[in-house]
N, C-alpha and C. Protein backbone atom coordinates (compact mmCIF):
# COMPACT_ATOMS: atom_id res chain seq x y z
N MET A 1 11.53 132.31 -57.49
CA MET A 1 11.41 132.34 -55.80
C MET A 1 10.43 131.13 -55.64
N LYS A 2 10.68 130.51 -54.61
CA LYS A 2 9.60 129.34 -54.38
C LYS A 2 8.61 129.87 -53.41
N HIS A 3 7.48 129.34 -53.57
CA HIS A 3 6.45 129.51 -52.86
C HIS A 3 6.24 128.64 -51.51
N PRO A 4 5.96 129.11 -50.35
CA PRO A 4 6.13 128.05 -49.21
C PRO A 4 5.23 126.91 -49.26
N VAL A 5 4.21 126.98 -49.98
CA VAL A 5 3.27 125.81 -50.05
C VAL A 5 3.97 124.95 -51.15
N ASP A 6 4.32 125.25 -52.18
CA ASP A 6 5.01 124.32 -53.09
C ASP A 6 6.29 123.68 -52.30
N VAL A 7 7.21 124.47 -51.43
CA VAL A 7 8.14 123.77 -50.67
C VAL A 7 7.65 122.93 -49.67
N HIS A 8 6.35 123.14 -49.10
CA HIS A 8 5.96 122.22 -48.12
C HIS A 8 5.43 120.99 -48.91
N VAL A 9 4.72 121.16 -49.98
CA VAL A 9 4.24 119.96 -50.52
C VAL A 9 5.41 119.06 -51.06
N GLY A 10 6.17 119.75 -51.66
CA GLY A 10 7.52 119.01 -52.21
C GLY A 10 8.15 118.11 -51.04
N LYS A 11 8.20 118.72 -49.84
CA LYS A 11 8.88 118.10 -48.80
C LYS A 11 8.18 116.72 -48.33
N ARG A 12 6.79 117.11 -48.50
CA ARG A 12 5.86 115.83 -48.19
C ARG A 12 6.04 114.75 -48.95
N ILE A 13 6.12 115.15 -50.29
CA ILE A 13 6.30 114.16 -51.36
C ILE A 13 7.68 113.52 -51.26
N ARG A 14 8.60 114.05 -50.87
CA ARG A 14 10.03 113.39 -50.55
C ARG A 14 10.00 112.56 -49.33
N HIS A 15 9.25 113.26 -48.41
CA HIS A 15 9.10 112.27 -47.05
C HIS A 15 8.40 111.07 -47.29
N ARG A 16 7.11 111.14 -47.91
CA ARG A 16 6.45 109.86 -48.29
C ARG A 16 7.17 108.90 -49.18
N ARG A 17 7.81 109.29 -50.15
CA ARG A 17 8.59 108.59 -51.12
C ARG A 17 9.73 107.67 -50.38
N TRP A 18 10.36 108.56 -49.46
CA TRP A 18 11.58 107.80 -48.72
C TRP A 18 10.84 106.80 -47.67
N LEU A 19 9.90 107.23 -46.95
CA LEU A 19 9.14 106.29 -46.04
C LEU A 19 8.68 104.96 -46.96
N VAL A 20 8.41 105.02 -48.01
CA VAL A 20 7.87 103.74 -48.73
C VAL A 20 9.11 103.14 -49.39
N GLY A 21 10.27 103.63 -49.36
CA GLY A 21 11.41 103.07 -50.00
C GLY A 21 11.57 103.21 -51.46
N MET A 22 10.74 104.30 -52.27
CA MET A 22 10.76 104.50 -53.48
C MET A 22 11.79 105.43 -53.82
N THR A 23 12.43 105.31 -55.05
CA THR A 23 13.49 106.24 -55.65
C THR A 23 12.53 107.19 -56.33
N GLN A 24 13.19 108.28 -56.69
CA GLN A 24 12.63 109.40 -57.58
C GLN A 24 12.19 108.76 -59.10
N GLN A 25 13.13 107.83 -59.53
CA GLN A 25 12.93 107.33 -60.87
C GLN A 25 11.56 106.41 -60.84
N GLN A 26 11.51 105.61 -59.76
CA GLN A 26 10.47 104.70 -59.63
C GLN A 26 9.13 105.46 -59.45
N LEU A 27 9.16 106.59 -58.62
CA LEU A 27 7.83 107.51 -58.60
C LEU A 27 7.60 108.19 -60.06
N ALA A 28 8.52 108.47 -60.51
CA ALA A 28 8.35 109.15 -61.98
C ALA A 28 7.86 108.42 -63.00
N GLN A 29 8.30 107.04 -62.93
CA GLN A 29 7.79 106.12 -63.81
C GLN A 29 6.29 105.70 -63.57
N SER A 30 5.97 105.83 -62.17
CA SER A 30 4.70 105.42 -62.01
C SER A 30 3.59 106.43 -62.28
N VAL A 31 4.18 107.61 -62.27
CA VAL A 31 3.13 108.79 -62.72
C VAL A 31 3.28 109.23 -64.35
N GLY A 32 4.29 108.69 -64.89
CA GLY A 32 4.52 108.74 -66.26
C GLY A 32 5.36 110.26 -66.61
N ILE A 33 6.36 110.50 -65.73
CA ILE A 33 7.12 111.78 -65.90
C ILE A 33 8.71 111.25 -65.76
N LYS A 34 9.42 112.23 -66.07
CA LYS A 34 10.84 112.02 -65.74
C LYS A 34 11.22 112.38 -64.42
N PHE A 35 12.38 111.76 -64.02
CA PHE A 35 12.65 111.85 -62.64
C PHE A 35 13.24 113.22 -62.29
N GLN A 36 13.61 114.05 -63.07
CA GLN A 36 14.07 115.29 -62.98
C GLN A 36 12.83 116.05 -62.47
N GLN A 37 11.57 115.98 -63.12
CA GLN A 37 10.44 116.67 -62.77
C GLN A 37 10.01 116.33 -61.22
N ILE A 38 10.40 115.13 -60.64
CA ILE A 38 10.15 114.78 -59.43
C ILE A 38 11.07 115.63 -58.43
N GLN A 39 12.44 115.78 -58.85
CA GLN A 39 13.33 116.55 -58.29
C GLN A 39 12.90 117.96 -58.11
N LYS A 40 12.18 118.41 -59.17
CA LYS A 40 11.86 119.82 -59.16
C LYS A 40 10.71 120.07 -58.25
N TYR A 41 9.77 118.94 -58.15
CA TYR A 41 8.64 119.12 -57.30
C TYR A 41 9.08 119.15 -55.75
N GLU A 42 10.05 118.09 -55.52
CA GLU A 42 10.43 117.98 -54.30
C GLU A 42 11.11 119.13 -53.59
N THR A 43 11.84 119.94 -54.46
CA THR A 43 12.43 121.14 -54.02
C THR A 43 11.60 122.24 -54.05
N GLY A 44 10.37 122.27 -54.57
CA GLY A 44 9.44 123.45 -54.63
C GLY A 44 9.78 124.30 -55.69
N MET A 45 10.68 123.98 -56.60
CA MET A 45 11.16 124.76 -57.89
C MET A 45 9.86 124.84 -58.83
N ASN A 46 9.27 123.60 -58.93
CA ASN A 46 7.92 123.62 -59.71
C ASN A 46 6.85 123.30 -58.90
N ARG A 47 5.83 123.95 -59.40
CA ARG A 47 4.50 123.60 -58.70
C ARG A 47 3.88 122.32 -59.21
N VAL A 48 3.18 121.68 -58.20
CA VAL A 48 2.70 120.35 -58.60
C VAL A 48 1.12 120.65 -59.09
N SER A 49 0.70 120.20 -60.20
CA SER A 49 -0.67 120.49 -60.69
C SER A 49 -1.52 119.65 -59.80
N ALA A 50 -2.87 120.01 -59.73
CA ALA A 50 -3.75 119.10 -58.95
C ALA A 50 -3.87 117.74 -59.42
N SER A 51 -3.87 117.48 -60.83
CA SER A 51 -4.08 116.07 -61.43
C SER A 51 -2.67 115.35 -61.28
N ARG A 52 -1.60 116.16 -61.27
CA ARG A 52 -0.31 115.19 -60.92
C ARG A 52 -0.28 114.93 -59.47
N LEU A 53 -0.52 115.77 -58.61
CA LEU A 53 -0.60 115.45 -57.28
C LEU A 53 -1.60 114.39 -56.85
N TRP A 54 -2.73 114.26 -57.59
CA TRP A 54 -3.49 113.15 -57.49
C TRP A 54 -2.68 111.89 -57.86
N ASP A 55 -2.19 111.71 -58.91
CA ASP A 55 -1.23 110.43 -59.30
C ASP A 55 -0.24 110.17 -58.42
N ILE A 56 0.34 111.35 -57.87
CA ILE A 56 1.53 111.09 -57.05
C ILE A 56 0.88 110.56 -55.79
N ALA A 57 -0.16 110.91 -55.17
CA ALA A 57 -0.87 110.48 -53.97
C ALA A 57 -1.19 108.83 -54.14
N ALA A 58 -1.82 108.69 -55.36
CA ALA A 58 -2.12 107.18 -55.71
C ALA A 58 -1.01 106.23 -55.68
N SER A 59 0.19 106.76 -56.27
CA SER A 59 1.53 106.18 -56.44
C SER A 59 2.03 105.82 -55.09
N LEU A 60 1.88 106.68 -54.08
CA LEU A 60 2.36 106.68 -52.67
C LEU A 60 1.40 106.26 -51.69
N THR A 61 0.26 105.86 -52.18
CA THR A 61 -0.72 105.33 -51.39
C THR A 61 -1.13 106.23 -50.09
N VAL A 62 -1.36 107.44 -50.44
CA VAL A 62 -1.90 108.42 -49.44
C VAL A 62 -2.91 109.24 -50.00
N PRO A 63 -3.73 109.87 -49.29
CA PRO A 63 -4.81 110.83 -49.77
C PRO A 63 -4.14 112.11 -50.12
N VAL A 64 -4.62 112.73 -50.88
CA VAL A 64 -4.03 114.15 -51.53
C VAL A 64 -3.81 115.03 -50.27
N SER A 65 -4.76 115.05 -49.29
CA SER A 65 -4.61 115.82 -48.17
C SER A 65 -3.36 115.69 -47.31
N PHE A 66 -2.62 114.52 -47.49
CA PHE A 66 -1.42 114.31 -46.88
C PHE A 66 -0.31 115.10 -46.98
N PHE A 67 -0.38 115.69 -48.34
CA PHE A 67 0.73 116.64 -48.75
C PHE A 67 0.55 118.13 -48.01
N PHE A 68 -0.71 118.14 -47.55
CA PHE A 68 -0.91 119.53 -46.99
C PHE A 68 -1.03 119.49 -45.43
N ASP A 69 -0.78 118.30 -44.71
CA ASP A 69 -0.69 118.17 -43.28
C ASP A 69 0.42 119.02 -42.99
N GLY A 70 0.14 119.77 -41.75
CA GLY A 70 1.24 120.40 -41.13
C GLY A 70 1.41 121.91 -41.69
N LEU A 71 0.46 122.10 -42.76
CA LEU A 71 0.59 123.31 -43.22
C LEU A 71 -0.24 124.29 -42.63
N ASN A 72 0.36 125.39 -41.97
CA ASN A 72 -0.39 126.30 -41.32
C ASN A 72 -0.89 127.70 -42.08
N GLY A 73 -1.72 128.25 -41.82
CA GLY A 73 -2.30 129.50 -42.61
C GLY A 73 -1.17 130.48 -42.97
N GLU A 74 -0.35 130.65 -41.76
CA GLU A 74 0.87 131.65 -41.83
C GLU A 74 1.59 131.41 -43.03
N GLU A 75 1.88 130.04 -43.13
CA GLU A 75 3.04 129.59 -44.22
C GLU A 75 2.23 129.79 -45.62
N ALA A 76 1.13 129.67 -45.71
CA ALA A 76 0.27 129.58 -46.85
C ALA A 76 0.15 131.10 -47.48
N LEU A 77 0.01 132.00 -46.31
CA LEU A 77 0.05 133.49 -46.71
C LEU A 77 1.42 134.18 -46.74
N ALA A 78 2.52 133.59 -46.41
CA ALA A 78 3.75 134.15 -46.17
C ALA A 78 4.26 134.49 -47.76
N GLU A 79 5.23 135.46 -47.77
CA GLU A 79 5.89 135.66 -49.00
C GLU A 79 6.85 134.64 -49.46
N PRO A 80 6.95 134.40 -50.89
CA PRO A 80 7.78 133.28 -51.34
C PRO A 80 9.17 133.24 -50.72
N MET A 81 9.74 132.25 -50.44
CA MET A 81 11.02 131.98 -49.87
C MET A 81 12.21 132.09 -50.88
N SER A 82 13.30 132.37 -50.13
CA SER A 82 14.65 132.18 -50.98
C SER A 82 15.09 130.90 -50.45
N SER A 83 16.30 130.39 -51.02
CA SER A 83 16.79 129.36 -50.48
C SER A 83 17.43 129.55 -49.17
N ALA A 84 17.93 130.78 -48.87
CA ALA A 84 18.43 131.07 -47.52
C ALA A 84 17.60 131.08 -46.32
N ASP A 85 16.23 131.25 -46.80
CA ASP A 85 15.04 131.28 -45.58
C ASP A 85 14.64 129.84 -45.20
N VAL A 86 15.02 129.03 -46.07
CA VAL A 86 14.45 127.69 -45.85
C VAL A 86 15.25 127.00 -44.45
N PRO A 87 14.16 126.79 -43.35
CA PRO A 87 14.79 126.21 -42.14
C PRO A 87 15.40 124.70 -42.48
N HIS A 88 16.24 124.37 -41.30
CA HIS A 88 16.84 123.06 -41.41
C HIS A 88 15.65 121.98 -41.45
N ASP A 89 15.83 120.94 -42.26
CA ASP A 89 14.81 119.91 -42.57
C ASP A 89 15.32 118.66 -42.10
N ILE A 90 14.72 118.23 -41.06
CA ILE A 90 15.07 116.95 -40.64
C ILE A 90 14.88 115.88 -41.83
N LEU A 91 13.88 115.97 -42.65
CA LEU A 91 13.80 114.99 -43.76
C LEU A 91 14.64 114.97 -44.74
N LYS A 92 15.68 116.10 -44.81
CA LYS A 92 16.74 115.82 -45.52
C LYS A 92 17.81 115.02 -45.21
N ASP A 93 17.78 114.68 -43.82
CA ASP A 93 18.92 113.83 -43.13
C ASP A 93 18.62 112.36 -43.52
N LYS A 94 19.27 111.66 -44.28
CA LYS A 94 19.24 110.32 -44.91
C LYS A 94 19.31 109.31 -43.55
N GLU A 95 20.07 109.66 -42.54
CA GLU A 95 20.03 108.81 -41.18
C GLU A 95 18.75 108.92 -40.70
N ALA A 96 18.06 110.18 -40.59
CA ALA A 96 16.91 110.34 -39.97
C ALA A 96 15.77 109.57 -40.65
N LEU A 97 15.70 109.52 -41.90
CA LEU A 97 14.77 108.83 -42.71
C LEU A 97 15.11 107.43 -42.62
N ASP A 98 16.27 106.79 -42.63
CA ASP A 98 16.39 105.44 -42.46
C ASP A 98 15.96 105.12 -41.04
N LEU A 99 16.12 105.79 -39.95
CA LEU A 99 15.62 105.51 -38.81
C LEU A 99 14.04 105.26 -38.89
N ILE A 100 13.48 106.24 -39.49
CA ILE A 100 11.93 106.38 -39.41
C ILE A 100 11.43 105.01 -40.37
N ARG A 101 12.28 104.68 -41.28
CA ARG A 101 11.86 103.63 -42.18
C ARG A 101 12.07 102.32 -41.23
N SER A 102 13.05 102.19 -40.60
CA SER A 102 13.25 100.99 -39.76
C SER A 102 12.31 101.07 -38.67
N TYR A 103 12.02 102.05 -38.03
CA TYR A 103 11.11 102.06 -36.92
C TYR A 103 9.76 101.49 -37.50
N TYR A 104 9.26 102.04 -38.59
CA TYR A 104 7.92 101.39 -39.20
C TYR A 104 7.99 99.86 -39.55
N ALA A 105 9.11 99.49 -39.73
CA ALA A 105 9.40 97.97 -40.14
C ALA A 105 9.04 97.27 -38.81
N ILE A 106 9.31 97.81 -37.67
CA ILE A 106 9.27 96.93 -36.41
C ILE A 106 7.72 96.59 -36.21
N PRO A 107 7.43 95.28 -35.61
CA PRO A 107 5.93 95.10 -35.46
C PRO A 107 5.39 95.96 -34.50
N GLU A 108 4.07 96.27 -34.67
CA GLU A 108 3.35 97.35 -33.97
C GLU A 108 3.51 97.33 -32.49
N THR A 109 3.33 96.27 -31.74
CA THR A 109 3.46 95.99 -30.35
C THR A 109 4.94 96.52 -29.89
N GLN A 110 5.90 95.93 -30.58
CA GLN A 110 7.32 96.37 -30.20
C GLN A 110 7.52 97.74 -30.47
N ARG A 111 7.05 98.31 -31.46
CA ARG A 111 7.12 99.65 -31.98
C ARG A 111 6.70 100.57 -30.76
N ARG A 112 5.38 100.36 -30.37
CA ARG A 112 4.76 101.01 -29.26
C ARG A 112 5.71 101.09 -28.11
N ARG A 113 6.15 99.97 -27.89
CA ARG A 113 7.33 99.96 -26.63
C ARG A 113 8.38 100.91 -26.92
N LEU A 114 9.06 100.61 -28.04
CA LEU A 114 10.12 101.48 -28.36
C LEU A 114 9.90 102.91 -28.26
N PHE A 115 8.61 103.50 -28.78
CA PHE A 115 8.20 104.61 -28.73
C PHE A 115 8.26 105.20 -27.14
N GLU A 116 7.61 104.46 -26.51
CA GLU A 116 7.28 104.75 -24.93
C GLU A 116 8.83 104.89 -24.51
N LEU A 117 9.71 103.99 -24.69
CA LEU A 117 11.12 103.90 -24.24
C LEU A 117 11.75 105.42 -24.60
N ALA A 118 11.54 105.83 -25.96
CA ALA A 118 12.27 106.88 -26.41
C ALA A 118 11.71 108.19 -25.68
N ARG A 119 10.23 108.17 -25.51
CA ARG A 119 9.73 109.21 -24.85
C ARG A 119 10.25 109.46 -23.38
N VAL A 120 10.39 108.29 -22.70
CA VAL A 120 10.85 108.51 -21.38
C VAL A 120 12.32 108.85 -21.43
N LEU A 121 13.19 108.31 -22.19
CA LEU A 121 14.63 108.85 -22.32
C LEU A 121 14.73 110.10 -22.74
N SER A 122 13.85 110.73 -23.46
CA SER A 122 13.93 112.23 -23.98
C SER A 122 13.33 113.11 -23.08
N ASP A 123 12.64 112.75 -21.99
CA ASP A 123 11.90 113.71 -20.96
C ASP A 123 13.10 114.39 -20.19
N PRO A 124 13.09 115.66 -20.32
CA PRO A 124 14.09 116.43 -19.62
C PRO A 124 13.97 116.42 -17.97
N GLN A 125 13.18 115.98 -17.52
CA GLN A 125 13.01 116.01 -15.84
C GLN A 125 13.92 115.41 -15.31
């Protein structure tokens, strides 16, 4: 059974890895492990040790706290999840991740304008 915190941390690892355009193999080499271990971390099957999370954070150029962003107390205290309980995850969608990566490749001034346009277009009023 997967623990919700391990699943959340794994998703955040995958999310950041995709945003920086790094493969599982590249991340694994960077931290000195096999890519299969990265796969297990990203799915929450294996728990990431503190020292390994530190190495992953350094490789992905984020603070360790990044992996816990968005984790609320209810998730942390919840019973471990089965694979049937995992909600749809937008970060599993390669198209969405490509869109995010492309978005951050746009110069900041233009990116802010695009963001405002998207906000206006998505307003239900």
